[in-house]
């Protein structure tokens, strides 16, 4: 589980990042991100819509994305990221989700 310092929790932060953040896309997810500060921790928010699947599937996708984010929190600093899972992520295995989320965060880190 992500520490509170590594989570995006307010609706206004989600809205700000989705509307004004840099975008990156993969077959499994969309990512929106912006710089928060050089010493700030990585903060991650996850959006998994009903189009991904039923509650069991959505929660599985959310847990997998958060697990990858937890490991990224030690590597990346100064970035706020919102990850929106796409319906194709429902059938993806953990390794695919891990690879794509890491790639999206790296792309946002370069762009922001």
PDB file of N, CA and C in Angstrom:
ATOM      1  N   UNK A   1       0.841  -1.185   0.000  1.00  0.00           N
ATOM      2  CA  UNK A   1       0.000   0.000   0.000  1.00  0.00           C
ATOM      3  C   UNK A   1       0.882   1.242   0.000  1.00  0.00           C
ATOM      4  N   UNK A   2       0.443   2.216  -0.742  1.00  0.00           N
ATOM      5  CA  UNK A   2       1.187   3.471  -0.810  1.00  0.00           C
ATOM      6  C   UNK A   2       1.020   4.263   0.477  1.00  0.00           C
ATOM      7  N   UNK A   3       2.092   4.893   0.919  1.00  0.00           N
ATOM      8  CA  UNK A   3       2.019   5.775   2.082  1.00  0.00           C
ATOM      9  C   UNK A   3       1.175   6.990   1.721  1.00  0.00           C
ATOM     10  N   UNK A   4       0.614   7.629   2.710  1.00  0.00           N
ATOM     11  CA  UNK A   4      -0.250   8.779   2.462  1.00  0.00           C
ATOM     12  C   UNK A   4       0.491   9.877   1.699  1.00  0.00           C
ATOM     13  N   UNK A   5       1.765  10.044   1.968  1.00  0.00           N
ATOM     14  CA  UNK A   5       2.562  11.061   1.274  1.00  0.00           C
ATOM     15  C   UNK A   5       2.703  10.748  -0.213  1.00  0.00           C
ATOM     16  N   UNK A   6       2.473   9.505  -0.608  1.00  0.00           N
ATOM     17  CA  UNK A   6       2.621   9.093  -2.000  1.00  0.00           C
ATOM     18  C   UNK A   6       1.289   8.933  -2.731  1.00  0.00           C
ATOM     19  N   UNK A   7       0.202   9.390  -2.120  1.00  0.00           N
ATOM     20  CA  UNK A   7      -1.116   9.251  -2.739  1.00  0.00           C
ATOM     21  C   UNK A   7      -1.702  10.606  -3.102  1.00  0.00           C
ATOM     22  N   UNK A   8      -2.387  10.642  -4.207  1.00  0.00           N
ATOM     23  CA  UNK A   8      -3.206  11.793  -4.560  1.00  0.00           C
ATOM     24  C   UNK A   8      -4.603  11.462  -4.049  1.00  0.00           C
ATOM     25  N   UNK A   9      -5.136  12.307  -3.183  1.00  0.00           N
ATOM     26  CA  UNK A   9      -6.399  11.960  -2.534  1.00  0.00           C
ATOM     27  C   UNK A   9      -7.529  12.950  -2.797  1.00  0.00           C
ATOM     28  N   UNK A  10      -7.234  14.179  -3.152  1.00  0.00           N
ATOM     29  CA  UNK A  10      -8.304  15.154  -3.315  1.00  0.00           C
ATOM     30  C   UNK A  10      -8.789  15.209  -4.760  1.00  0.00           C
ATOM     31  N   UNK A  11     -10.071  15.448  -4.906  1.00  0.00           N
ATOM     32  CA  UNK A  11     -10.668  15.546  -6.234  1.00  0.00           C
ATOM     33  C   UNK A  11     -10.068  16.700  -7.020  1.00  0.00           C
ATOM     34  N   UNK A  12      -9.720  17.766  -6.334  1.00  0.00           N
ATOM     35  CA  UNK A  12      -9.141  18.913  -7.039  1.00  0.00           C
ATOM     36  C   UNK A  12      -7.773  18.570  -7.624  1.00  0.00           C
ATOM     37  N   UNK A  13      -6.979  17.756  -6.935  1.00  0.00           N
ATOM     38  CA  UNK A  13      -5.687  17.328  -7.485  1.00  0.00           C
ATOM     39  C   UNK A  13      -5.875  16.430  -8.709  1.00  0.00           C
ATOM     40  N   UNK A  14      -6.834  15.497  -8.631  1.00  0.00           N
ATOM     41  CA  UNK A  14      -7.126  14.653  -9.788  1.00  0.00           C
ATOM     42  C   UNK A  14      -7.545  15.513 -10.973  1.00  0.00           C
ATOM     43  N   UNK A  15      -8.476  16.435 -10.729  1.00  0.00           N
ATOM     44  CA  UNK A  15      -8.991  17.306 -11.784  1.00  0.00           C
ATOM     45  C   UNK A  15      -7.872  18.140 -12.412  1.00  0.00           C
ATOM     46  N   UNK A  16      -7.030  18.732 -11.570  1.00  0.00           N
ATOM     47  CA  UNK A  16      -5.923  19.571 -12.051  1.00  0.00           C
ATOM     48  C   UNK A  16      -4.980  18.769 -12.946  1.00  0.00           C
ATOM     49  N   UNK A  17      -4.620  17.583 -12.513  1.00  0.00           N
ATOM     50  CA  UNK A  17      -3.680  16.777 -13.290  1.00  0.00           C
ATOM     51  C   UNK A  17      -4.285  16.292 -14.605  1.00  0.00           C
ATOM     52  N   UNK A  18      -5.540  15.881 -14.581  1.00  0.00           N
ATOM     53  CA  UNK A  18      -6.172  15.389 -15.797  1.00  0.00           C
ATOM     54  C   UNK A  18      -6.367  16.524 -16.797  1.00  0.00           C
ATOM     55  N   UNK A  19      -6.689  17.698 -16.320  1.00  0.00           N
ATOM     56  CA  UNK A  19      -6.949  18.826 -17.221  1.00  0.00           C
ATOM     57  C   UNK A  19      -5.687  19.523 -17.708  1.00  0.00           C
ATOM     58  N   UNK A  20      -4.685  19.660 -16.852  1.00  0.00           N
ATOM     59  CA  UNK A  20      -3.529  20.473 -17.226  1.00  0.00           C
ATOM     60  C   UNK A  20      -2.208  19.710 -17.284  1.00  0.00           C
ATOM     61  N   UNK A  21      -2.196  18.464 -16.860  1.00  0.00           N
ATOM     62  CA  UNK A  21      -0.934  17.717 -16.833  1.00  0.00           C
ATOM     63  C   UNK A  21      -0.517  17.222 -18.202  1.00  0.00           C
ATOM     64  N   UNK A  22       0.753  16.878 -18.311  1.00  0.00           N
ATOM     65  CA  UNK A  22       1.276  16.259 -19.535  1.00  0.00           C
ATOM     66  C   UNK A  22       0.654  14.877 -19.658  1.00  0.00           C
ATOM     67  N   UNK A  23       0.485  14.406 -20.904  1.00  0.00           N
ATOM     68  CA  UNK A  23      -0.172  13.126 -21.125  1.00  0.00           C
ATOM     69  C   UNK A  23       0.779  12.128 -21.766  1.00  0.00           C
ATOM     70  N   UNK A  24       0.573  10.874 -21.400  1.00  0.00           N
ATOM     71  CA  UNK A  24       1.279   9.764 -22.033  1.00  0.00           C
ATOM     72  C   UNK A  24       0.281   8.620 -22.146  1.00  0.00           C
ATOM     73  N   UNK A  25       0.391   7.848 -23.214  1.00  0.00           N
ATOM     74  CA  UNK A  25      -0.573   6.780 -23.459  1.00  0.00           C
ATOM     75  C   UNK A  25       0.143   5.470 -23.752  1.00  0.00           C
ATOM     76  N   UNK A  26      -0.474   4.392 -23.290  1.00  0.00           N
ATOM     77  CA  UNK A  26      -0.015   3.053 -23.635  1.00  0.00           C
ATOM     78  C   UNK A  26      -1.264   2.229 -23.944  1.00  0.00           C
ATOM     79  N   UNK A  27      -1.112   1.014 -24.415  1.00  0.00           N
ATOM     80  CA  UNK A  27      -2.299   0.189 -24.679  1.00  0.00           C
ATOM     81  C   UNK A  27      -3.105  -0.126 -23.417  1.00  0.00           C
ATOM     82  N   UNK A  28      -2.479  -0.048 -22.249  1.00  0.00           N
ATOM     83  CA  UNK A  28      -3.161  -0.419 -21.011  1.00  0.00           C
ATOM     84  C   UNK A  28      -3.637   0.763 -20.178  1.00  0.00           C
ATOM     85  N   UNK A  29      -3.061   1.943 -20.370  1.00  0.00           N
ATOM     86  CA  UNK A  29      -3.394   3.062 -19.481  1.00  0.00           C
ATOM     87  C   UNK A  29      -3.083   4.410 -20.117  1.00  0.00           C
ATOM     88  N   UNK A  30      -3.712   5.424 -19.558  1.00  0.00           N
ATOM     89  CA  UNK A  30      -3.382   6.816 -19.844  1.00  0.00           C
ATOM     90  C   UNK A  30      -2.748   7.370 -18.585  1.00  0.00           C
ATOM     91  N   UNK A  31      -1.769   8.231 -18.745  1.00  0.00           N
ATOM     92  CA  UNK A  31      -1.129   8.837 -17.580  1.00  0.00           C
ATOM     93  C   UNK A  31      -1.087  10.342 -17.760  1.00  0.00           C
ATOM     94  N   UNK A  32      -1.374  11.051 -16.692  1.00  0.00           N
ATOM     95  CA  UNK A  32      -1.305  12.503 -16.669  1.00  0.00           C
ATOM     96  C   UNK A  32      -0.342  12.873 -15.553  1.00  0.00           C
ATOM     97  N   UNK A  33       0.569  13.803 -15.801  1.00  0.00           N
ATOM     98  CA  UNK A  33       1.537  14.132 -14.768  1.00  0.00           C
ATOM     99  C   UNK A  33       2.053  15.545 -14.855  1.00  0.00           C
ATOM    100  N   UNK A  34       2.561  16.014 -13.724  1.00  0.00           N
ATOM    101  CA  UNK A  34       3.219  17.317 -13.673  1.00  0.00           C
ATOM    102  C   UNK A  34       4.235  17.309 -12.543  1.00  0.00           C
ATOM    103  N   UNK A  35       5.190  18.209 -12.637  1.00  0.00           N
ATOM    104  CA  UNK A  35       6.209  18.351 -11.591  1.00  0.00           C
ATOM    105  C   UNK A  35       5.586  18.961 -10.347  1.00  0.00           C
ATOM    106  N   UNK A  36       6.023  18.495  -9.189  1.00  0.00           N
ATOM    107  CA  UNK A  36       5.519  19.041  -7.932  1.00  0.00           C
ATOM    108  C   UNK A  36       6.603  19.771  -7.154  1.00  0.00           C
ATOM    109  N   UNK A  37       7.837  19.416  -7.330  1.00  0.00           N
ATOM    110  CA  UNK A  37       8.951  20.039  -6.625  1.00  0.00           C
ATOM    111  C   UNK A  37      10.115  19.077  -6.583  1.00  0.00           C
ATOM    112  N   UNK A  38      11.340  19.575  -6.534  1.00  0.00           N
ATOM    113  CA  UNK A  38      12.501  18.679  -6.615  1.00  0.00           C
ATOM    114  C   UNK A  38      12.632  17.710  -5.436  1.00  0.00           C
ATOM    115  N   UNK A  39      12.201  18.112  -4.258  1.00  0.00           N
ATOM    116  CA  UNK A  39      12.336  17.235  -3.090  1.00  0.00           C
ATOM    117  C   UNK A  39      11.040  16.545  -2.701  1.00  0.00           C
ATOM    118  N   UNK A  40       9.968  16.794  -3.448  1.00  0.00           N
ATOM    119  CA  UNK A  40       8.676  16.194  -3.128  1.00  0.00           C
ATOM    120  C   UNK A  40       8.671  14.720  -3.523  1.00  0.00           C
ATOM    121  N   UNK A  41       7.928  13.899  -2.803  1.00  0.00           N
ATOM    122  CA  UNK A  41       7.849  12.486  -3.171  1.00  0.00           C
ATOM    123  C   UNK A  41       6.964  12.278  -4.395  1.00  0.00           C
ATOM    124  N   UNK A  42       7.096  11.139  -5.035  1.00  0.00           N
ATOM    125  CA  UNK A  42       6.196  10.760  -6.112  1.00  0.00           C
ATOM    126  C   UNK A  42       4.807  10.585  -5.516  1.00  0.00           C
ATOM    127  N   UNK A  43       3.802  11.217  -6.126  1.00  0.00           N
ATOM    128  CA  UNK A  43       2.421  11.025  -5.683  1.00  0.00           C
ATOM    129  C   UNK A  43       1.639  10.422  -6.841  1.00  0.00           C
ATOM    130  N   UNK A  44       0.847   9.388  -6.537  1.00  0.00           N
ATOM    131  CA  UNK A  44       0.133   8.649  -7.571  1.00  0.00           C
ATOM    132  C   UNK A  44      -1.345   8.556  -7.216  1.00  0.00           C
ATOM    133  N   UNK A  45      -2.178   8.738  -8.241  1.00  0.00           N
ATOM    134  CA  UNK A  45      -3.608   8.505  -8.133  1.00  0.00           C
ATOM    135  C   UNK A  45      -4.009   7.522  -9.217  1.00  0.00           C
ATOM    136  N   UNK A  46      -4.999   6.686  -8.935  1.00  0.00           N
ATOM    137  CA  UNK A  46      -5.416   5.654  -9.878  1.00  0.00           C
ATOM    138  C   UNK A  46      -6.909   5.803 -10.157  1.00  0.00           C
ATOM    139  N   UNK A  47      -7.261   5.773 -11.437  1.00  0.00           N
ATOM    140  CA  UNK A  47      -8.656   5.806 -11.855  1.00  0.00           C
ATOM    141  C   UNK A  47      -8.931   4.531 -12.635  1.00  0.00           C
ATOM    142  N   UNK A  48      -9.926   3.762 -12.184  1.00  0.00           N
ATOM    143  CA  UNK A  48     -10.324   2.543 -12.886  1.00  0.00           C
ATOM    144  C   UNK A  48     -11.840   2.624 -13.068  1.00  0.00           C
ATOM    145  N   UNK A  49     -12.284   2.896 -14.285  1.00  0.00           N
ATOM    146  CA  UNK A  49     -13.695   3.083 -14.582  1.00  0.00           C
ATOM    147  C   UNK A  49     -14.424   1.754 -14.715  1.00  0.00           C
ATOM    148  N   UNK A  50     -15.737   1.818 -14.730  1.00  0.00           N
ATOM    149  CA  UNK A  50     -16.552   0.616 -14.873  1.00  0.00           C
ATOM    150  C   UNK A  50     -16.332  -0.087 -16.199  1.00  0.00           C
ATOM    151  N   UNK A  51     -15.875   0.650 -17.187  1.00  0.00           N
ATOM    152  CA  UNK A  51     -15.643   0.041 -18.498  1.00  0.00           C
ATOM    153  C   UNK A  51     -14.543  -1.019 -18.457  1.00  0.00           C
ATOM    154  N   UNK A  52     -13.728  -1.006 -17.409  1.00  0.00           N
ATOM    155  CA  UNK A  52     -12.650  -1.992 -17.262  1.00  0.00           C
ATOM    156  C   UNK A  52     -13.217  -3.361 -16.924  1.00  0.00           C
ATOM    157  N   UNK A  53     -14.275  -3.407 -16.140  1.00  0.00           N
ATOM    158  CA  UNK A  53     -14.878  -4.682 -15.772  1.00  0.00           C
ATOM    159  C   UNK A  53     -15.687  -4.551 -14.503  1.00  0.00           C
ATOM    160  N   UNK A  54     -16.054  -5.698 -13.944  1.00  0.00           N
ATOM    161  CA  UNK A  54     -16.830  -5.662 -12.700  1.00  0.00           C
ATOM    162  C   UNK A  54     -15.922  -5.287 -11.527  1.00  0.00           C
ATOM    163  N   UNK A  55     -16.489  -5.227 -10.345  1.00  0.00           N
ATOM    164  CA  UNK A  55     -15.752  -4.748  -9.174  1.00  0.00           C
ATOM    165  C   UNK A  55     -14.504  -5.583  -8.887  1.00  0.00           C
ATOM    166  N   UNK A  56     -14.596  -6.879  -9.066  1.00  0.00           N
ATOM    167  CA  UNK A  56     -13.460  -7.756  -8.800  1.00  0.00           C
ATOM    168  C   UNK A  56     -12.309  -7.427  -9.753  1.00  0.00           C
ATOM    169  N   UNK A  57     -12.621  -7.264 -11.011  1.00  0.00           N
ATOM    170  CA  UNK A  57     -11.600  -6.956 -12.017  1.00  0.00           C
ATOM    171  C   UNK A  57     -11.012  -5.572 -11.777  1.00  0.00           C
ATOM    172  N   UNK A  58     -11.871  -4.590 -11.518  1.00  0.00           N
ATOM    173  CA  UNK A  58     -11.387  -3.223 -11.278  1.00  0.00           C
ATOM    174  C   UNK A  58     -10.454  -3.173 -10.077  1.00  0.00           C
ATOM    175  N   UNK A  59     -10.813  -3.857  -9.005  1.00  0.00           N
ATOM    176  CA  UNK A  59      -9.967  -3.849  -7.817  1.00  0.00           C
ATOM    177  C   UNK A  59      -8.643  -4.564  -8.060  1.00  0.00           C
ATOM    178  N   UNK A  60      -8.657  -5.621  -8.852  1.00  0.00           N
ATOM    179  CA  UNK A  60      -7.418  -6.320  -9.178  1.00  0.00           C
ATOM    180  C   UNK A  60      -6.485  -5.398  -9.964  1.00  0.00           C
ATOM    181  N   UNK A  61      -7.035  -4.691 -10.945  1.00  0.00           N
ATOM    182  CA  UNK A  61      -6.228  -3.750 -11.734  1.00  0.00           C
ATOM    183  C   UNK A  61      -5.694  -2.646 -10.836  1.00  0.00           C
ATOM    184  N   UNK A  62      -6.537  -2.100  -9.966  1.00  0.00           N
ATOM    185  CA  UNK A  62      -6.118  -1.024  -9.049  1.00  0.00           C
ATOM    186  C   UNK A  62      -4.988  -1.495  -8.133  1.00  0.00           C
ATOM    187  N   UNK A  63      -5.114  -2.696  -7.580  1.00  0.00           N
ATOM    188  CA  UNK A  63      -4.069  -3.229  -6.692  1.00  0.00           C
ATOM    189  C   UNK A  63      -2.749  -3.413  -7.440  1.00  0.00           C
ATOM    190  N   UNK A  64      -2.815  -3.892  -8.660  1.00  0.00           N
ATOM    191  CA  UNK A  64      -1.594  -4.090  -9.438  1.00  0.00           C
ATOM    192  C   UNK A  64      -0.908  -2.767  -9.753  1.00  0.00           C
ATOM    193  N   UNK A  65      -1.684  -1.765 -10.147  1.00  0.00           N
ATOM    194  CA  UNK A  65      -1.105  -0.457 -10.446  1.00  0.00           C
ATOM    195  C   UNK A  65      -0.492   0.153  -9.192  1.00  0.00           C
ATOM    196  N   UNK A  66      -1.169   0.022  -8.067  1.00  0.00           N
ATOM    197  CA  UNK A  66      -0.634   0.564  -6.813  1.00  0.00           C
ATOM    198  C   UNK A  66       0.628  -0.166  -6.376  1.00  0.00           C
ATOM    199  N   UNK A  67       0.703  -1.466  -6.628  1.00  0.00           N
ATOM    200  CA  UNK A  67       1.916  -2.218  -6.273  1.00  0.00           C
ATOM    201  C   UNK A  67       3.115  -1.723  -7.081  1.00  0.00           C
ATOM    202  N   UNK A  68       2.904  -1.468  -8.353  1.00  0.00           N
ATOM    203  CA  UNK A  68       3.980  -0.930  -9.185  1.00  0.00           C
ATOM    204  C   UNK A  68       4.350   0.466  -8.703  1.00  0.00           C
ATOM    205  N   UNK A  69       3.353   1.269  -8.371  1.00  0.00           N
ATOM    206  CA  UNK A  69       3.591   2.641  -7.898  1.00  0.00           C
ATOM    207  C   UNK A  69       4.388   2.644  -6.608  1.00  0.00           C
ATOM    208  N   UNK A  70       4.125   1.685  -5.746  1.00  0.00           N
ATOM    209  CA  UNK A  70       4.848   1.599  -4.481  1.00  0.00           C
ATOM    210  C   UNK A  70       6.335   1.399  -4.745  1.00  0.00           C
ATOM    211  N   UNK A  71       6.667   0.531  -5.687  1.00  0.00           N
ATOM    212  CA  UNK A  71       8.085   0.310  -5.985  1.00  0.00           C
ATOM    213  C   UNK A  71       8.708   1.514  -6.695  1.00  0.00           C
ATOM    214  N   UNK A  72       7.912   2.237  -7.480  1.00  0.00           N
ATOM    215  CA  UNK A  72       8.425   3.437  -8.148  1.00  0.00           C
ATOM    216  C   UNK A  72       8.660   4.587  -7.184  1.00  0.00           C
ATOM    217  N   UNK A  73       7.963   4.601  -6.061  1.00  0.00           N
ATOM    218  CA  UNK A  73       8.069   5.701  -5.102  1.00  0.00           C
ATOM    219  C   UNK A  73       9.497   5.847  -4.564  1.00  0.00           C
ATOM    220  N   UNK A  74      10.263   4.768  -4.543  1.00  0.00           N
ATOM    221  CA  UNK A  74      11.640   4.843  -4.075  1.00  0.00           C
ATOM    222  C   UNK A  74      12.583   5.360  -5.169  1.00  0.00           C
ATOM    223  N   UNK A  75      12.154   5.306  -6.436  1.00  0.00           N
ATOM    224  CA  UNK A  75      13.025   5.669  -7.553  1.00  0.00           C
ATOM    225  C   UNK A  75      12.769   7.069  -8.102  1.00  0.00           C
ATOM    226  N   UNK A  76      11.522   7.519  -8.079  1.00  0.00           N
ATOM    227  CA  UNK A  76      11.133   8.771  -8.734  1.00  0.00           C
ATOM    228  C   UNK A  76      10.746   9.798  -7.680  1.00  0.00           C
ATOM    229  N   UNK A  77      11.171  11.041  -7.879  1.00  0.00           N
ATOM    230  CA  UNK A  77      10.826  12.114  -6.939  1.00  0.00           C
ATOM    231  C   UNK A  77      10.325  13.325  -7.718  1.00  0.00           C
ATOM    232  N   UNK A  78       9.492  14.131  -7.054  1.00  0.00           N
ATOM    233  CA  UNK A  78       9.064  15.398  -7.624  1.00  0.00           C
ATOM    234  C   UNK A  78       8.066  15.304  -8.755  1.00  0.00           C
ATOM    235  N   UNK A  79       7.201  14.297  -8.737  1.00  0.00           N
ATOM    236  CA  UNK A  79       6.250  14.111  -9.818  1.00  0.00           C
ATOM    237  C   UNK A  79       4.895  13.699  -9.251  1.00  0.00           C
ATOM    238  N   UNK A  80       3.827  14.301  -9.776  1.00  0.00           N
ATOM    239  CA  UNK A  80       2.460  13.883  -9.461  1.00  0.00           C
ATOM    240  C   UNK A  80       1.904  13.196 -10.696  1.00  0.00           C
ATOM    241  N   UNK A  81       1.325  12.004 -10.530  1.00  0.00           N
ATOM    242  CA  UNK A  81       0.852  11.218 -11.662  1.00  0.00           C
ATOM    243  C   UNK A  81      -0.544  10.670 -11.361  1.00  0.00           C
ATOM    244  N   UNK A  82      -1.435  10.780 -12.349  1.00  0.00           N
ATOM    245  CA  UNK A  82      -2.727  10.105 -12.299  1.00  0.00           C
ATOM    246  C   UNK A  82      -2.719   9.074 -13.415  1.00  0.00           C
ATOM    247  N   UNK A  83      -2.983   7.815 -13.071  1.00  0.00           N
ATOM    248  CA  UNK A  83      -3.020   6.728 -14.035  1.00  0.00           C
ATOM    249  C   UNK A  83      -4.466   6.286 -14.224  1.00  0.00           C
ATOM    250  N   UNK A  84      -4.942   6.335 -15.465  1.00  0.00           N
ATOM    251  CA  UNK A  84      -6.301   5.902 -15.795  1.00  0.00           C
ATOM    252  C   UNK A  84      -6.190   4.581 -16.543  1.00  0.00           C
ATOM    253  N   UNK A  85      -6.691   3.513 -15.924  1.00  0.00           N
ATOM    254  CA  UNK A  85      -6.626   2.190 -16.549  1.00  0.00           C
ATOM    255  C   UNK A  85      -7.637   2.106 -17.686  1.00  0.00           C
ATOM    256  N   UNK A  86      -7.223   1.529 -18.792  1.00  0.00           N
ATOM    257  CA  UNK A  86      -8.095   1.315 -19.938  1.00  0.00           C
ATOM    258  C   UNK A  86      -8.658  -0.100 -19.886  1.00  0.00           C
ATOM    259  N   UNK A  87      -9.752  -0.370 -20.596  1.00  0.00           N
ATOM    260  CA  UNK A  87     -10.364  -1.705 -20.541  1.00  0.00           C
ATOM    261  C   UNK A  87      -9.426  -2.853 -20.889  1.00  0.00           C
ATOM    262  N   UNK A  88      -8.399  -2.604 -21.699  1.00  0.00           N
ATOM    263  CA  UNK A  88      -7.457  -3.675 -22.046  1.00  0.00           C
ATOM    264  C   UNK A  88      -6.634  -4.135 -20.841  1.00  0.00           C
ATOM    265  N   UNK A  89      -6.554  -3.315 -19.808  1.00  0.00           N
ATOM    266  CA  UNK A  89      -5.777  -3.694 -18.623  1.00  0.00           C
ATOM    267  C   UNK A  89      -6.431  -4.827 -17.839  1.00  0.00           C
ATOM    268  N   UNK A  90      -7.709  -5.069 -18.066  1.00  0.00           N
ATOM    269  CA  UNK A  90      -8.407  -6.141 -17.349  1.00  0.00           C
ATOM    270  C   UNK A  90      -7.825  -7.511 -17.676  1.00  0.00           C
ATOM    271  N   UNK A  91      -7.380  -7.704 -18.898  1.00  0.00           N
ATOM    272  CA  UNK A  91      -6.845  -8.997 -19.318  1.00  0.00           C
ATOM    273  C   UNK A  91      -5.324  -9.083 -19.192  1.00  0.00           C
ATOM    274  N   UNK A  92      -4.690  -7.990 -18.787  1.00  0.00           N
ATOM    275  CA  UNK A  92      -3.229  -7.958 -18.723  1.00  0.00           C
ATOM    276  C   UNK A  92      -2.709  -8.628 -17.457  1.00  0.00           C
ATOM    277  N   UNK A  93      -1.556  -9.254 -17.566  1.00  0.00           N
ATOM    278  CA  UNK A  93      -0.931  -9.840 -16.389  1.00  0.00           C
ATOM    279  C   UNK A  93      -0.107  -8.772 -15.660  1.00  0.00           C
ATOM    280  N   UNK A  94       0.393  -9.119 -14.481  1.00  0.00           N
ATOM    281  CA  UNK A  94       1.112  -8.148 -13.659  1.00  0.00           C
ATOM    282  C   UNK A  94       2.362  -7.619 -14.363  1.00  0.00           C
ATOM    283  N   UNK A  95       3.078  -8.490 -15.053  1.00  0.00           N
ATOM    284  CA  UNK A  95       4.311  -8.069 -15.725  1.00  0.00           C
ATOM    285  C   UNK A  95       4.028  -7.005 -16.786  1.00  0.00           C
ATOM    286  N   UNK A  96       2.940  -7.151 -17.513  1.00  0.00           N
ATOM    287  CA  UNK A  96       2.576  -6.162 -18.530  1.00  0.00           C
ATOM    288  C   UNK A  96       2.212  -4.832 -17.900  1.00  0.00           C
ATOM    289  N   UNK A  97       1.432  -4.888 -16.839  1.00  0.00           N
ATOM    290  CA  UNK A  97       1.047  -3.657 -16.143  1.00  0.00           C
ATOM    291  C   UNK A  97       2.289  -2.986 -15.561  1.00  0.00           C
ATOM    292  N   UNK A  98       3.159  -3.764 -14.964  1.00  0.00           N
ATOM    293  CA  UNK A  98       4.398  -3.234 -14.397  1.00  0.00           C
ATOM    294  C   UNK A  98       5.220  -2.515 -15.466  1.00  0.00           C
ATOM    295  N   UNK A  99       5.419  -3.163 -16.589  1.00  0.00           N
ATOM    296  CA  UNK A  99       6.220  -2.601 -17.675  1.00  0.00           C
ATOM    297  C   UNK A  99       5.599  -1.299 -18.196  1.00  0.00           C
ATOM    298  N   UNK A 100       4.297  -1.292 -18.424  1.00  0.00           N
ATOM    299  CA  UNK A 100       3.634  -0.122 -18.992  1.00  0.00           C
ATOM    300  C   UNK A 100       3.573   1.049 -18.019  1.00  0.00           C
ATOM    301  N   UNK A 101       3.289   0.787 -16.765  1.00  0.00           N
ATOM    302  CA  UNK A 101       3.234   1.876 -15.778  1.00  0.00           C
ATOM    303  C   UNK A 101       4.617   2.494 -15.610  1.00  0.00           C
ATOM    304  N   UNK A 102       5.639   1.680 -15.523  1.00  0.00           N
ATOM    305  CA  UNK A 102       7.005   2.208 -15.415  1.00  0.00           C
ATOM    306  C   UNK A 102       7.370   3.052 -16.629  1.00  0.00           C
ATOM    307  N   UNK A 103       7.010   2.585 -17.822  1.00  0.00           N
ATOM    308  CA  UNK A 103       7.308   3.330 -19.040  1.00  0.00           C
ATOM    309  C   UNK A 103       6.565   4.664 -19.049  1.00  0.00           C
ATOM    310  N   UNK A 104       5.286   4.657 -18.655  1.00  0.00           N
ATOM    311  CA  UNK A 104       4.507   5.894 -18.638  1.00  0.00           C
ATOM    312  C   UNK A 104       5.079   6.907 -17.653  1.00  0.00           C
ATOM    313  N   UNK A 105       5.485   6.445 -16.479  1.00  0.00           N
ATOM    314  CA  UNK A 105       6.053   7.364 -15.477  1.00  0.00           C
ATOM    315  C   UNK A 105       7.373   7.936 -15.983  1.00  0.00           C
ATOM    316  N   UNK A 106       8.184   7.118 -16.629  1.00  0.00           N
ATOM    317  CA  UNK A 106       9.455   7.612 -17.185  1.00  0.00           C
ATOM    318  C   UNK A 106       9.215   8.660 -18.274  1.00  0.00           C
ATOM    319  N   UNK A 107       8.230   8.412 -19.132  1.00  0.00           N
ATOM    320  CA  UNK A 107       7.901   9.382 -20.184  1.00  0.00           C
ATOM    321  C   UNK A 107       7.439  10.698 -19.565  1.00  0.00           C
ATOM    322  N   UNK A 108       6.567  10.627 -18.561  1.00  0.00           N
ATOM    323  CA  UNK A 108       6.095  11.848 -17.902  1.00  0.00           C
ATOM    324  C   UNK A 108       7.227  12.565 -17.185  1.00  0.00           C
ATOM    325  N   UNK A 109       8.140  11.807 -16.626  1.00  0.00           N
ATOM    326  CA  UNK A 109       9.278  12.411 -15.939  1.00  0.00           C
ATOM    327  C   UNK A 109      10.138  13.206 -16.922  1.00  0.00           C
ATOM    328  N   UNK A 110      10.290  12.706 -18.127  1.00  0.00           N
ATOM    329  CA  UNK A 110      11.064  13.425 -19.146  1.00  0.00           C
ATOM    330  C   UNK A 110      10.327  14.644 -19.666  1.00  0.00           C
ATOM    331  N   UNK A 111       9.021  14.530 -19.824  1.00  0.00           N
ATOM    332  CA  UNK A 111       8.223  15.624 -20.403  1.00  0.00           C
ATOM    333  C   UNK A 111       7.941  16.744 -19.426  1.00  0.00           C
ATOM    334  N   UNK A 112       7.804  16.424 -18.180  1.00  0.00           N
ATOM    335  CA  UNK A 112       7.388  17.442 -17.191  1.00  0.00           C
ATOM    336  C   UNK A 112       8.548  18.344 -16.798  1.00  0.00           C
TER     337      UNK A 112
END
